[in-house]
Amino acid sequence: MTRPLNFRCWDLKEKTWTDFECFIGEQYCGLHEKFEDVIVQQFTGFLDRKGREIYEGDIIGGDYTLNSMFVNAAIEFKFGKFVDSKFGYGLDFLAGDNYRNSQLKIYEVIGNIFENPEIQ
């Protein structure tokens, strides 16, 4: 699966999203500027049920059909892949049959860990 390398950046001082330039070389990807007091988050390559890009740090909500319960979970990078923070399921697993389309049909981005920490 190929995916675009998109990033977003949270400014810890200003408590807001900020723009930055990313350059991609043949064997590297780096930021044009050096940032202090910011957190860079990467696009996971997956979309939620409304077609919105899911980034590391987003909080998704949905019905975890294995347990028949509604759960909110933050997305984090662990074990070499993007997983939910509650159960450690990879986004590829949560996408199920839609893995090839890279879309989570029953999950939706409902916030992020910076602006909505209370909903995790």
PDB file of N, CA and C in Angstrom:
ATOM      1  N   MET A   1       0.855  -1.185   0.000  1.00  0.00           N
ATOM      2  CA  MET A   1       0.000   0.000   0.000  1.00  0.00           C
ATOM      3  C   MET A   1       0.890   1.234   0.000  1.00  0.00           C
ATOM      4  N   THR A   2       0.664   2.142  -0.923  1.00  0.00           N
ATOM      5  CA  THR A   2       1.384   3.407  -0.924  1.00  0.00           C
ATOM      6  C   THR A   2       0.453   4.482  -0.404  1.00  0.00           C
ATOM      7  N   ARG A   3       1.030   5.492   0.195  1.00  0.00           N
ATOM      8  CA  ARG A   3       0.217   6.570   0.733  1.00  0.00           C
ATOM      9  C   ARG A   3       1.015   7.862   0.707  1.00  0.00           C
ATOM     10  N   PRO A   4       0.309   8.987   0.689  1.00  0.00           N
ATOM     11  CA  PRO A   4       1.025  10.273   0.711  1.00  0.00           C
ATOM     12  C   PRO A   4       1.664  10.506   2.080  1.00  0.00           C
ATOM     13  N   LEU A   5       2.790  11.195   2.083  1.00  0.00           N
ATOM     14  CA  LEU A   5       3.440  11.561   3.334  1.00  0.00           C
ATOM     15  C   LEU A   5       2.978  12.966   3.723  1.00  0.00           C
ATOM     16  N   ASN A   6       1.872  13.032   4.443  1.00  0.00           N
ATOM     17  CA  ASN A   6       1.332  14.309   4.910  1.00  0.00           C
ATOM     18  C   ASN A   6       1.595  14.442   6.403  1.00  0.00           C
ATOM     19  N   PHE A   7       1.831  15.669   6.832  1.00  0.00           N
ATOM     20  CA  PHE A   7       2.105  15.936   8.235  1.00  0.00           C
ATOM     21  C   PHE A   7       1.300  17.140   8.692  1.00  0.00           C
ATOM     22  N   ARG A   8       1.112  17.234  10.002  1.00  0.00           N
ATOM     23  CA  ARG A   8       0.562  18.441  10.611  1.00  0.00           C
ATOM     24  C   ARG A   8       1.394  18.712  11.861  1.00  0.00           C
ATOM     25  N   CYS A   9       1.328  19.932  12.342  1.00  0.00           N
ATOM     26  CA  CYS A   9       2.214  20.335  13.420  1.00  0.00           C
ATOM     27  C   CYS A   9       1.440  21.102  14.493  1.00  0.00           C
ATOM     28  N   TRP A  10       1.517  20.658  15.756  1.00  0.00           N
ATOM     29  CA  TRP A  10       0.851  21.307  16.881  1.00  0.00           C
ATOM     30  C   TRP A  10       1.864  22.180  17.621  1.00  0.00           C
ATOM     31  N   ASP A  11       1.566  23.474  17.763  1.00  0.00           N
ATOM     32  CA  ASP A  11       2.424  24.424  18.457  1.00  0.00           C
ATOM     33  C   ASP A  11       2.087  24.389  19.939  1.00  0.00           C
ATOM     34  N   LEU A  12       3.022  23.910  20.755  1.00  0.00           N
ATOM     35  CA  LEU A  12       2.780  23.764  22.190  1.00  0.00           C
ATOM     36  C   LEU A  12       2.631  25.101  22.910  1.00  0.00           C
ATOM     37  N   LYS A  13       3.298  26.144  22.416  1.00  0.00           N
ATOM     38  CA  LYS A  13       3.202  27.463  23.048  1.00  0.00           C
ATOM     39  C   LYS A  13       1.887  28.155  22.706  1.00  0.00           C
ATOM     40  N   GLU A  14       1.543  28.159  21.419  1.00  0.00           N
ATOM     41  CA  GLU A  14       0.350  28.865  20.955  1.00  0.00           C
ATOM     42  C   GLU A  14      -0.929  28.040  21.076  1.00  0.00           C
ATOM     43  N   LYS A  15      -0.768  26.731  21.325  1.00  0.00           N
ATOM     44  CA  LYS A  15      -1.923  25.814  21.430  1.00  0.00           C
ATOM     45  C   LYS A  15      -2.782  25.859  20.172  1.00  0.00           C
ATOM     46  N   THR A  16      -2.112  25.736  19.039  1.00  0.00           N
ATOM     47  CA  THR A  16      -2.810  25.768  17.763  1.00  0.00           C
ATOM     48  C   THR A  16      -2.025  24.972  16.724  1.00  0.00           C
ATOM     49  N   TRP A  17      -2.690  24.645  15.616  1.00  0.00           N
ATOM     50  CA  TRP A  17      -2.014  23.984  14.503  1.00  0.00           C
ATOM     51  C   TRP A  17      -1.242  25.037  13.728  1.00  0.00           C
ATOM     52  N   THR A  18      -0.067  24.690  13.266  1.00  0.00           N
ATOM     53  CA  THR A  18       0.765  25.621  12.521  1.00  0.00           C
ATOM     54  C   THR A  18       1.221  24.976  11.224  1.00  0.00           C
ATOM     55  N   ASP A  19       1.488  25.788  10.228  1.00  0.00           N
ATOM     56  CA  ASP A  19       1.951  25.293   8.943  1.00  0.00           C
ATOM     57  C   ASP A  19       3.461  25.124   8.966  1.00  0.00           C
ATOM     58  N   PHE A  20       3.948  24.216   8.178  1.00  0.00           N
ATOM     59  CA  PHE A  20       5.378  24.038   8.007  1.00  0.00           C
ATOM     60  C   PHE A  20       5.617  23.431   6.645  1.00  0.00           C
ATOM     61  N   GLU A  21       6.840  23.553   6.170  1.00  0.00           N
ATOM     62  CA  GLU A  21       7.189  22.975   4.882  1.00  0.00           C
ATOM     63  C   GLU A  21       7.929  21.671   5.107  1.00  0.00           C
ATOM     64  N   CYS A  22       7.593  20.683   4.321  1.00  0.00           N
ATOM     65  CA  CYS A  22       8.273  19.395   4.380  1.00  0.00           C
ATOM     66  C   CYS A  22       8.884  19.136   3.021  1.00  0.00           C
ATOM     67  N   PHE A  23      10.117  18.688   3.016  1.00  0.00           N
ATOM     68  CA  PHE A  23      10.720  18.325   1.742  1.00  0.00           C
ATOM     69  C   PHE A  23      11.043  16.840   1.774  1.00  0.00           C
ATOM     70  N   ILE A  24      10.924  16.217   0.638  1.00  0.00           N
ATOM     71  CA  ILE A  24      11.152  14.784   0.543  1.00  0.00           C
ATOM     72  C   ILE A  24      12.249  14.542  -0.478  1.00  0.00           C
ATOM     73  N   GLY A  25      13.292  13.886  -0.039  1.00  0.00           N
ATOM     74  CA  GLY A  25      14.387  13.529  -0.930  1.00  0.00           C
ATOM     75  C   GLY A  25      14.261  12.061  -1.315  1.00  0.00           C
ATOM     76  N   GLU A  26      15.257  11.567  -2.010  1.00  0.00           N
ATOM     77  CA  GLU A  26      15.194  10.180  -2.455  1.00  0.00           C
ATOM     78  C   GLU A  26      15.250   9.204  -1.285  1.00  0.00           C
ATOM     79  N   GLN A  27      15.990   9.544  -0.244  1.00  0.00           N
ATOM     80  CA  GLN A  27      16.144   8.620   0.881  1.00  0.00           C
ATOM     81  C   GLN A  27      15.839   9.274   2.224  1.00  0.00           C
ATOM     82  N   TYR A  28      15.187  10.397   2.223  1.00  0.00           N
ATOM     83  CA  TYR A  28      14.924  11.058   3.496  1.00  0.00           C
ATOM     84  C   TYR A  28      13.702  11.961   3.388  1.00  0.00           C
ATOM     85  N   CYS A  29      13.175  12.307   4.509  1.00  0.00           N
ATOM     86  CA  CYS A  29      12.123  13.315   4.593  1.00  0.00           C
ATOM     87  C   CYS A  29      12.477  14.187   5.781  1.00  0.00           C
ATOM     88  N   GLY A  30      12.446  15.466   5.606  1.00  0.00           N
ATOM     89  CA  GLY A  30      12.819  16.342   6.705  1.00  0.00           C
ATOM     90  C   GLY A  30      12.038  17.638   6.670  1.00  0.00           C
ATOM     91  N   LEU A  31      12.112  18.378   7.741  1.00  0.00           N
ATOM     92  CA  LEU A  31      11.424  19.653   7.832  1.00  0.00           C
ATOM     93  C   LEU A  31      12.339  20.760   7.338  1.00  0.00           C
ATOM     94  N   HIS A  32      11.748  21.710   6.657  1.00  0.00           N
ATOM     95  CA  HIS A  32      12.507  22.839   6.131  1.00  0.00           C
ATOM     96  C   HIS A  32      13.078  23.696   7.250  1.00  0.00           C
ATOM     97  N   GLU A  33      12.314  23.838   8.318  1.00  0.00           N
ATOM     98  CA  GLU A  33      12.747  24.652   9.451  1.00  0.00           C
ATOM     99  C   GLU A  33      12.873  23.784  10.679  1.00  0.00           C
ATOM    100  N   LYS A  34      13.719  24.199  11.608  1.00  0.00           N
ATOM    101  CA  LYS A  34      13.821  23.493  12.881  1.00  0.00           C
ATOM    102  C   LYS A  34      12.772  24.076  13.816  1.00  0.00           C
ATOM    103  N   PHE A  35      11.955  23.216  14.359  1.00  0.00           N
ATOM    104  CA  PHE A  35      10.900  23.666  15.262  1.00  0.00           C
ATOM    105  C   PHE A  35      11.239  23.274  16.685  1.00  0.00           C
ATOM    106  N   GLU A  36      10.993  24.177  17.588  1.00  0.00           N
ATOM    107  CA  GLU A  36      11.069  23.873  19.011  1.00  0.00           C
ATOM    108  C   GLU A  36       9.673  24.067  19.564  1.00  0.00           C
ATOM    109  N   ASP A  37       9.341  23.298  20.558  1.00  0.00           N
ATOM    110  CA  ASP A  37       8.029  23.385  21.201  1.00  0.00           C
ATOM    111  C   ASP A  37       6.878  23.086  20.250  1.00  0.00           C
ATOM    112  N   VAL A  38       7.098  22.165  19.332  1.00  0.00           N
ATOM    113  CA  VAL A  38       6.038  21.703  18.438  1.00  0.00           C
ATOM    114  C   VAL A  38       6.061  20.183  18.380  1.00  0.00           C
ATOM    115  N   ILE A  39       4.923  19.618  18.040  1.00  0.00           N
ATOM    116  CA  ILE A  39       4.823  18.175  17.845  1.00  0.00           C
ATOM    117  C   ILE A  39       4.347  17.937  16.418  1.00  0.00           C
ATOM    118  N   VAL A  40       5.130  17.173  15.677  1.00  0.00           N
ATOM    119  CA  VAL A  40       4.794  16.845  14.299  1.00  0.00           C
ATOM    120  C   VAL A  40       4.065  15.504  14.297  1.00  0.00           C
ATOM    121  N   GLN A  41       2.939  15.453  13.588  1.00  0.00           N
ATOM    122  CA  GLN A  41       2.161  14.224  13.496  1.00  0.00           C
ATOM    123  C   GLN A  41       1.987  13.835  12.040  1.00  0.00           C
ATOM    124  N   GLN A  42       2.003  12.531  11.800  1.00  0.00           N
ATOM    125  CA  GLN A  42       1.965  12.011  10.439  1.00  0.00           C
ATOM    126  C   GLN A  42       0.585  11.469  10.084  1.00  0.00           C
ATOM    127  N   PHE A  43       0.214  11.657   8.831  1.00  0.00           N
ATOM    128  CA  PHE A  43      -0.995  11.068   8.268  1.00  0.00           C
ATOM    129  C   PHE A  43      -0.829   9.557   8.253  1.00  0.00           C
ATOM    130  N   THR A  44      -1.845   8.823   8.703  1.00  0.00           N
ATOM    131  CA  THR A  44      -1.761   7.368   8.807  1.00  0.00           C
ATOM    132  C   THR A  44      -1.952   6.652   7.481  1.00  0.00           C
ATOM    133  N   GLY A  45      -2.483   7.349   6.505  1.00  0.00           N
ATOM    134  CA  GLY A  45      -2.809   6.713   5.241  1.00  0.00           C
ATOM    135  C   GLY A  45      -4.245   6.224   5.185  1.00  0.00           C
ATOM    136  N   PHE A  46      -4.982   6.399   6.290  1.00  0.00           N
ATOM    137  CA  PHE A  46      -6.371   5.949   6.360  1.00  0.00           C
ATOM    138  C   PHE A  46      -7.320   7.133   6.465  1.00  0.00           C
ATOM    139  N   LEU A  47      -8.554   6.905   6.001  1.00  0.00           N
ATOM    140  CA  LEU A  47      -9.621   7.892   6.085  1.00  0.00           C
ATOM    141  C   LEU A  47     -10.704   7.363   7.019  1.00  0.00           C
ATOM    142  N   ASP A  48     -11.431   8.283   7.665  1.00  0.00           N
ATOM    143  CA  ASP A  48     -12.548   7.838   8.495  1.00  0.00           C
ATOM    144  C   ASP A  48     -13.781   7.641   7.619  1.00  0.00           C
ATOM    145  N   ARG A  49     -14.917   7.328   8.232  1.00  0.00           N
ATOM    146  CA  ARG A  49     -16.118   7.013   7.438  1.00  0.00           C
ATOM    147  C   ARG A  49     -16.650   8.203   6.653  1.00  0.00           C
ATOM    148  N   LYS A  50     -16.244   9.416   7.014  1.00  0.00           N
ATOM    149  CA  LYS A  50     -16.658  10.612   6.280  1.00  0.00           C
ATOM    150  C   LYS A  50     -15.613  11.066   5.266  1.00  0.00           C
ATOM    151  N   GLY A  51     -14.548  10.280   5.113  1.00  0.00           N
ATOM    152  CA  GLY A  51     -13.509  10.613   4.154  1.00  0.00           C
ATOM    153  C   GLY A  51     -12.457  11.567   4.683  1.00  0.00           C
ATOM    154  N   ARG A  52     -12.449  11.826   5.984  1.00  0.00           N
ATOM    155  CA  ARG A  52     -11.475  12.735   6.604  1.00  0.00           C
ATOM    156  C   ARG A  52     -10.174  11.977   6.886  1.00  0.00           C
ATOM    157  N   GLU A  53      -9.033  12.612   6.604  1.00  0.00           N
ATOM    158  CA  GLU A  53      -7.742  11.996   6.877  1.00  0.00           C
ATOM    159  C   GLU A  53      -7.572  11.754   8.375  1.00  0.00           C
ATOM    160  N   ILE A  54      -7.007  10.597   8.729  1.00  0.00           N
ATOM    161  CA  ILE A  54      -6.741  10.257  10.134  1.00  0.00           C
ATOM    162  C   ILE A  54      -5.249  10.432  10.377  1.00  0.00           C
ATOM    163  N   TYR A  55      -4.924  11.272  11.353  1.00  0.00           N
ATOM    164  CA  TYR A  55      -3.537  11.538  11.719  1.00  0.00           C
ATOM    165  C   TYR A  55      -3.223  10.923  13.076  1.00  0.00           C
ATOM    166  N   GLU A  56      -1.947  10.682  13.287  1.00  0.00           N
ATOM    167  CA  GLU A  56      -1.458  10.310  14.608  1.00  0.00           C
ATOM    168  C   GLU A  56      -1.961  11.380  15.578  1.00  0.00           C
ATOM    169  N   GLY A  57      -2.483  10.981  16.721  1.00  0.00           N
ATOM    170  CA  GLY A  57      -3.001  11.933  17.700  1.00  0.00           C
ATOM    171  C   GLY A  57      -4.479  12.217  17.560  1.00  0.00           C
ATOM    172  N   ASP A  58      -5.097  11.803  16.452  1.00  0.00           N
ATOM    173  CA  ASP A  58      -6.551  11.957  16.318  1.00  0.00           C
ATOM    174  C   ASP A  58      -7.246  10.988  17.256  1.00  0.00           C
ATOM    175  N   ILE A  59      -8.443  11.337  17.646  1.00  0.00           N
ATOM    176  CA  ILE A  59      -9.270  10.448  18.447  1.00  0.00           C
ATOM    177  C   ILE A  59     -10.407   9.980  17.557  1.00  0.00           C
ATOM    178  N   ILE A  60     -10.517   8.669  17.424  1.00  0.00           N
ATOM    179  CA  ILE A  60     -11.600   8.107  16.624  1.00  0.00           C
ATOM    180  C   ILE A  60     -12.642   7.511  17.557  1.00  0.00           C
ATOM    181  N   GLY A  61     -13.873   7.535  17.118  1.00  0.00           N
ATOM    182  CA  GLY A  61     -14.965   6.919  17.853  1.00  0.00           C
ATOM    183  C   GLY A  61     -15.670   5.947  16.944  1.00  0.00           C
ATOM    184  N   GLY A  62     -16.158   4.874  17.527  1.00  0.00           N
ATOM    185  CA  GLY A  62     -16.873   3.902  16.718  1.00  0.00           C
ATOM    186  C   GLY A  62     -17.272   2.704  17.535  1.00  0.00           C
ATOM    187  N   ASP A  63     -18.004   1.828  16.915  1.00  0.00           N
ATOM    188  CA  ASP A  63     -18.479   0.609  17.548  1.00  0.00           C
ATOM    189  C   ASP A  63     -17.457  -0.492  17.301  1.00  0.00           C
ATOM    190  N   TYR A  64     -16.727  -0.855  18.337  1.00  0.00           N
ATOM    191  CA  TYR A  64     -15.773  -1.952  18.216  1.00  0.00           C
ATOM    192  C   TYR A  64     -16.577  -3.242  18.177  1.00  0.00           C
ATOM    193  N   THR A  65     -16.811  -3.737  16.980  1.00  0.00           N
ATOM    194  CA  THR A  65     -17.741  -4.846  16.793  1.00  0.00           C
ATOM    195  C   THR A  65     -17.303  -6.129  17.488  1.00  0.00           C
ATOM    196  N   LEU A  66     -16.015  -6.269  17.744  1.00  0.00           N
ATOM    197  CA  LEU A  66     -15.581  -7.474  18.453  1.00  0.00           C
ATOM    198  C   LEU A  66     -16.149  -7.527  19.865  1.00  0.00           C
ATOM    199  N   ASN A  67     -16.310  -6.363  20.468  1.00  0.00           N
ATOM    200  CA  ASN A  67     -16.795  -6.300  21.843  1.00  0.00           C
ATOM    201  C   ASN A  67     -18.184  -5.695  21.945  1.00  0.00           C
ATOM    202  N   SER A  68     -18.769  -5.313  20.822  1.00  0.00           N
ATOM    203  CA  SER A  68     -20.096  -4.679  20.783  1.00  0.00           C
ATOM    204  C   SER A  68     -20.205  -3.513  21.745  1.00  0.00           C
ATOM    205  N   MET A  69     -19.213  -2.647  21.723  1.00  0.00           N
ATOM    206  CA  MET A  69     -19.266  -1.463  22.582  1.00  0.00           C
ATOM    207  C   MET A  69     -18.700  -0.267  21.831  1.00  0.00           C
ATOM    208  N   PHE A  70     -19.187   0.923  22.188  1.00  0.00           N
ATOM    209  CA  PHE A  70     -18.719   2.151  21.578  1.00  0.00           C
ATOM    210  C   PHE A  70     -17.513   2.652  22.368  1.00  0.00           C
ATOM    211  N   VAL A  71     -16.413   2.898  21.686  1.00  0.00           N
ATOM    212  CA  VAL A  71     -15.174   3.278  22.351  1.00  0.00           C
ATOM    213  C   VAL A  71     -14.514   4.420  21.593  1.00  0.00           C
ATOM    214  N   ASN A  72     -13.977   5.379  22.329  1.00  0.00           N
ATOM    215  CA  ASN A  72     -13.131   6.415  21.748  1.00  0.00           C
ATOM    216  C   ASN A  72     -11.680   6.013  21.999  1.00  0.00           C
ATOM    217  N   ALA A  73     -10.830   6.189  21.002  1.00  0.00           N
ATOM    218  CA  ALA A  73      -9.422   5.830  21.149  1.00  0.00           C
ATOM    219  C   ALA A  73      -8.550   6.778  20.348  1.00  0.00           C
ATOM    220  N   ALA A  74      -7.436   7.175  20.944  1.00  0.00           N
ATOM    221  CA  ALA A  74      -6.459   8.009  20.237  1.00  0.00           C
ATOM    222  C   ALA A  74      -5.624   7.115  19.334  1.00  0.00           C
ATOM    223  N   ILE A  75      -5.132   7.680  18.247  1.00  0.00           N
ATOM    224  CA  ILE A  75      -4.267   6.954  17.319  1.00  0.00           C
ATOM    225  C   ILE A  75      -2.823   7.271  17.666  1.00  0.00           C
ATOM    226  N   GLU A  76      -2.006   6.231  17.795  1.00  0.00           N
ATOM    227  CA  GLU A  76      -0.592   6.416  18.109  1.00  0.00           C
ATOM    228  C   GLU A  76       0.245   5.450  17.281  1.00  0.00           C
ATOM    229  N   PHE A  77       1.540   5.740  17.192  1.00  0.00           N
ATOM    230  CA  PHE A  77       2.446   4.891  16.430  1.00  0.00           C
ATOM    231  C   PHE A  77       3.188   3.987  17.402  1.00  0.00           C
ATOM    232  N   LYS A  78       2.910   2.679  17.320  1.00  0.00           N
ATOM    233  CA  LYS A  78       3.557   1.680  18.179  1.00  0.00           C
ATOM    234  C   LYS A  78       3.761   0.419  17.370  1.00  0.00           C
ATOM    235  N   PHE A  79       4.746  -0.348  17.753  1.00  0.00           N
ATOM    236  CA  PHE A  79       4.973  -1.649  17.124  1.00  0.00           C
ATOM    237  C   PHE A  79       5.172  -1.533  15.610  1.00  0.00           C
ATOM    238  N   GLY A  80       5.660  -0.385  15.155  1.00  0.00           N
ATOM    239  CA  GLY A  80       5.920  -0.194  13.741  1.00  0.00           C
ATOM    240  C   GLY A  80       4.699   0.104  12.899  1.00  0.00           C
ATOM    241  N   LYS A  81       3.577   0.455  13.545  1.00  0.00           N
ATOM    242  CA  LYS A  81       2.369   0.788  12.788  1.00  0.00           C
ATOM    243  C   LYS A  81       1.474   1.704  13.620  1.00  0.00           C
ATOM    244  N   PHE A  82       0.452   2.261  12.975  1.00  0.00           N
ATOM    245  CA  PHE A  82      -0.502   3.105  13.664  1.00  0.00           C
ATOM    246  C   PHE A  82      -1.559   2.209  14.312  1.00  0.00           C
ATOM    247  N   VAL A  83      -1.787   2.417  15.620  1.00  0.00           N
ATOM    248  CA  VAL A  83      -2.721   1.586  16.382  1.00  0.00           C
ATOM    249  C   VAL A  83      -3.641   2.467  17.212  1.00  0.00           C
ATOM    250  N   ASP A  84      -4.762   1.875  17.690  1.00  0.00           N
ATOM    251  CA  ASP A  84      -5.610   2.607  18.626  1.00  0.00           C
ATOM    252  C   ASP A  84      -5.037   2.436  20.029  1.00  0.00           C
ATOM    253  N   SER A  85      -5.223   3.451  20.872  1.00  0.00           N
ATOM    254  CA  SER A  85      -4.617   3.461  22.196  1.00  0.00           C
ATOM    255  C   SER A  85      -5.336   2.579  23.212  1.00  0.00           C
ATOM    256  N   LYS A  86      -6.535   2.138  22.924  1.00  0.00           N
ATOM    257  CA  LYS A  86      -7.293   1.330  23.881  1.00  0.00           C
ATOM    258  C   LYS A  86      -6.913  -0.142  23.833  1.00  0.00           C
ATOM    259  N   PHE A  87      -6.889  -0.715  22.634  1.00  0.00           N
ATOM    260  CA  PHE A  87      -6.674  -2.149  22.497  1.00  0.00           C
ATOM    261  C   PHE A  87      -5.421  -2.505  21.708  1.00  0.00           C
ATOM    262  N   GLY A  88      -4.817  -1.510  21.070  1.00  0.00           N
ATOM    263  CA  GLY A  88      -3.622  -1.764  20.276  1.00  0.00           C
ATOM    264  C   GLY A  88      -3.901  -2.354  18.913  1.00  0.00           C
ATOM    265  N   TYR A  89      -5.154  -2.250  18.451  1.00  0.00           N
ATOM    266  CA  TYR A  89      -5.488  -2.751  17.120  1.00  0.00           C
ATOM    267  C   TYR A  89      -4.880  -1.837  16.062  1.00  0.00           C
ATOM    268  N   GLY A  90      -4.281  -2.428  15.047  1.00  0.00           N
ATOM    269  CA  GLY A  90      -3.759  -1.652  13.935  1.00  0.00           C
ATOM    270  C   GLY A  90      -4.896  -1.117  13.085  1.00  0.00           C
ATOM    271  N   LEU A  91      -4.675   0.035  12.444  1.00  0.00           N
ATOM    272  CA  LEU A  91      -5.714   0.596  11.590  1.00  0.00           C
ATOM    273  C   LEU A  91      -6.038  -0.327  10.434  1.00  0.00           C
ATOM    274  N   ASP A  92      -5.068  -1.113   9.992  1.00  0.00           N
ATOM    275  CA  ASP A  92      -5.344  -2.082   8.937  1.00  0.00           C
ATOM    276  C   ASP A  92      -6.369  -3.110   9.425  1.00  0.00           C
ATOM    277  N   PHE A  93      -6.273  -3.521  10.685  1.00  0.00           N
ATOM    278  CA  PHE A  93      -7.239  -4.462  11.260  1.00  0.00           C
ATOM    279  C   PHE A  93      -8.616  -3.821  11.389  1.00  0.00           C
ATOM    280  N   LEU A  94      -8.651  -2.566  11.869  1.00  0.00           N
ATOM    281  CA  LEU A  94      -9.926  -1.880  12.049  1.00  0.00           C
ATOM    282  C   LEU A  94     -10.621  -1.610  10.713  1.00  0.00           C
ATOM    283  N   ALA A  95      -9.841  -1.458   9.650  1.00  0.00           N
ATOM    284  CA  ALA A  95     -10.436  -1.219   8.333  1.00  0.00           C
ATOM    285  C   ALA A  95     -11.116  -2.468   7.790  1.00  0.00           C
ATOM    286  N   GLY A  96     -10.693  -3.633   8.248  1.00  0.00           N
ATOM    287  CA  GLY A  96     -11.312  -4.885   7.814  1.00  0.00           C
ATOM    288  C   GLY A  96     -11.295  -5.048   6.308  1.00  0.00           C
ATOM    289  N   ASP A  97     -12.459  -5.301   5.730  1.00  0.00           N
ATOM    290  CA  ASP A  97     -12.569  -5.516   4.286  1.00  0.00           C
ATOM    291  C   ASP A  97     -12.217  -4.274   3.478  1.00  0.00           C
ATOM    292  N   ASN A  98     -12.208  -3.110   4.119  1.00  0.00           N
ATOM    293  CA  ASN A  98     -11.900  -1.862   3.413  1.00  0.00           C
ATOM    294  C   ASN A  98     -10.418  -1.512   3.473  1.00  0.00           C
ATOM    295  N   TYR A  99      -9.588  -2.468   3.901  1.00  0.00           N
ATOM    296  CA  TYR A  99      -8.157  -2.212   4.017  1.00  0.00           C
ATOM    297  C   TYR A  99      -7.565  -1.701   2.707  1.00  0.00           C
ATOM    298  N   ARG A 100      -7.951  -2.297   1.600  1.00  0.00           N
ATOM    299  CA  ARG A 100      -7.393  -1.874   0.310  1.00  0.00           C
ATOM    300  C   ARG A 100      -7.838  -0.462  -0.065  1.00  0.00           C
ATOM    301  N   ASN A 101      -8.999  -0.034   0.437  1.00  0.00           N
ATOM    302  CA  ASN A 101      -9.484   1.325   0.183  1.00  0.00           C
ATOM    303  C   ASN A 101      -8.970   2.306   1.227  1.00  0.00           C
ATOM    304  N   SER A 102      -8.295   1.797   2.251  1.00  0.00           N
ATOM    305  CA  SER A 102      -7.743   2.619   3.338  1.00  0.00           C
ATOM    306  C   SER A 102      -8.809   3.484   4.001  1.00  0.00           C
ATOM    307  N   GLN A 103      -9.991   2.923   4.215  1.00  0.00           N
ATOM    308  CA  GLN A 103     -11.046   3.687   4.860  1.00  0.00           C
ATOM    309  C   GLN A 103     -11.668   2.871   5.998  1.00  0.00           C
ATOM    310  N   LEU A 104     -11.837   3.543   7.135  1.00  0.00           N
ATOM    311  CA  LEU A 104     -12.465   2.920   8.291  1.00  0.00           C
ATOM    312  C   LEU A 104     -13.952   3.242   8.219  1.00  0.00           C
ATOM    313  N   LYS A 105     -14.747   2.320   7.736  1.00  0.00           N
ATOM    314  CA  LYS A 105     -16.162   2.576   7.447  1.00  0.00           C
ATOM    315  C   LYS A 105     -17.018   2.832   8.685  1.00  0.00           C
ATOM    316  N   ILE A 106     -16.640   2.307   9.853  1.00  0.00           N
ATOM    317  CA  ILE A 106     -17.500   2.501  11.032  1.00  0.00           C
ATOM    318  C   ILE A 106     -16.878   3.428  12.072  1.00  0.00           C
ATOM    319  N   TYR A 107     -15.723   4.011  11.767  1.00  0.00           N
ATOM    320  CA  TYR A 107     -15.054   4.898  12.718  1.00  0.00           C
ATOM    321  C   TYR A 107     -15.000   6.313  12.163  1.00  0.00           C
ATOM    322  N   GLU A 108     -15.006   7.265  13.077  1.00  0.00           N
ATOM    323  CA  GLU A 108     -15.011   8.670  12.692  1.00  0.00           C
ATOM    324  C   GLU A 108     -14.049   9.448  13.576  1.00  0.00           C
ATOM    325  N   VAL A 109     -13.314  10.401  12.984  1.00  0.00           N
ATOM    326  CA  VAL A 109     -12.476  11.297  13.775  1.00  0.00           C
ATOM    327  C   VAL A 109     -13.404  12.223  14.549  1.00  0.00           C
ATOM    328  N   ILE A 110     -13.284  12.210  15.875  1.00  0.00           N
ATOM    329  CA  ILE A 110     -14.154  13.041  16.716  1.00  0.00           C
ATOM    330  C   ILE A 110     -13.374  14.100  17.477  1.00  0.00           C
ATOM    331  N   GLY A 111     -12.068  14.154  17.286  1.00  0.00           N
ATOM    332  CA  GLY A 111     -11.241  15.151  17.950  1.00  0.00           C
ATOM    333  C   GLY A 111      -9.785  14.750  17.863  1.00  0.00           C
ATOM    334  N   ASN A 112      -8.968  15.391  18.718  1.00  0.00           N
ATOM    335  CA  ASN A 112      -7.554  15.043  18.786  1.00  0.00           C
ATOM    336  C   ASN A 112      -7.063  15.223  20.218  1.00  0.00           C
ATOM    337  N   ILE A 113      -5.883  14.700  20.501  1.00  0.00           N
ATOM    338  CA  ILE A 113      -5.385  14.666  21.877  1.00  0.00           C
ATOM    339  C   ILE A 113      -5.020  16.035  22.427  1.00  0.00           C
ATOM    340  N   PHE A 114      -4.878  17.031  21.575  1.00  0.00           N
ATOM    341  CA  PHE A 114      -4.517  18.375  22.038  1.00  0.00           C
ATOM    342  C   PHE A 114      -5.733  19.238  22.326  1.00  0.00           C
ATOM    343  N   GLU A 115      -6.691  19.232  21.410  1.00  0.00           N
ATOM    344  CA  GLU A 115      -7.861  20.090  21.558  1.00  0.00           C
ATOM    345  C   GLU A 115      -8.994  19.424  22.344  1.00  0.00           C
ATOM    346  N   ASN A 116      -9.014  18.102  22.392  1.00  0.00           N
ATOM    347  CA  ASN A 116     -10.108  17.368  23.039  1.00  0.00           C
ATOM    348  C   ASN A 116      -9.596  16.223  23.893  1.00  0.00           C
ATOM    349  N   PRO A 117      -8.653  16.433  24.813  1.00  0.00           N
ATOM    350  CA  PRO A 117      -8.089  15.307  25.575  1.00  0.00           C
ATOM    351  C   PRO A 117      -9.111  14.587  26.446  1.00  0.00           C
ATOM    352  N   GLU A 118     -10.184  15.261  26.793  1.00  0.00           N
ATOM    353  CA  GLU A 118     -11.180  14.680  27.681  1.00  0.00           C
ATOM    354  C   GLU A 118     -12.007  13.571  27.034  1.00  0.00           C
ATOM    355  N   ILE A 119     -11.981  13.457  25.724  1.00  0.00           N
ATOM    356  CA  ILE A 119     -12.832  12.453  25.072  1.00  0.00           C
ATOM    357  C   ILE A 119     -12.104  11.146  24.771  1.00  0.00           C
ATOM    358  N   GLN A 120     -10.843  11.030  25.163  1.00  0.00           N
ATOM    359  CA  GLN A 120     -10.107   9.781  24.915  1.00  0.00           C
ATOM    360  C   GLN A 120     -10.636   8.683  25.806  1.00  0.00           C
TER     361      GLN A 120
END
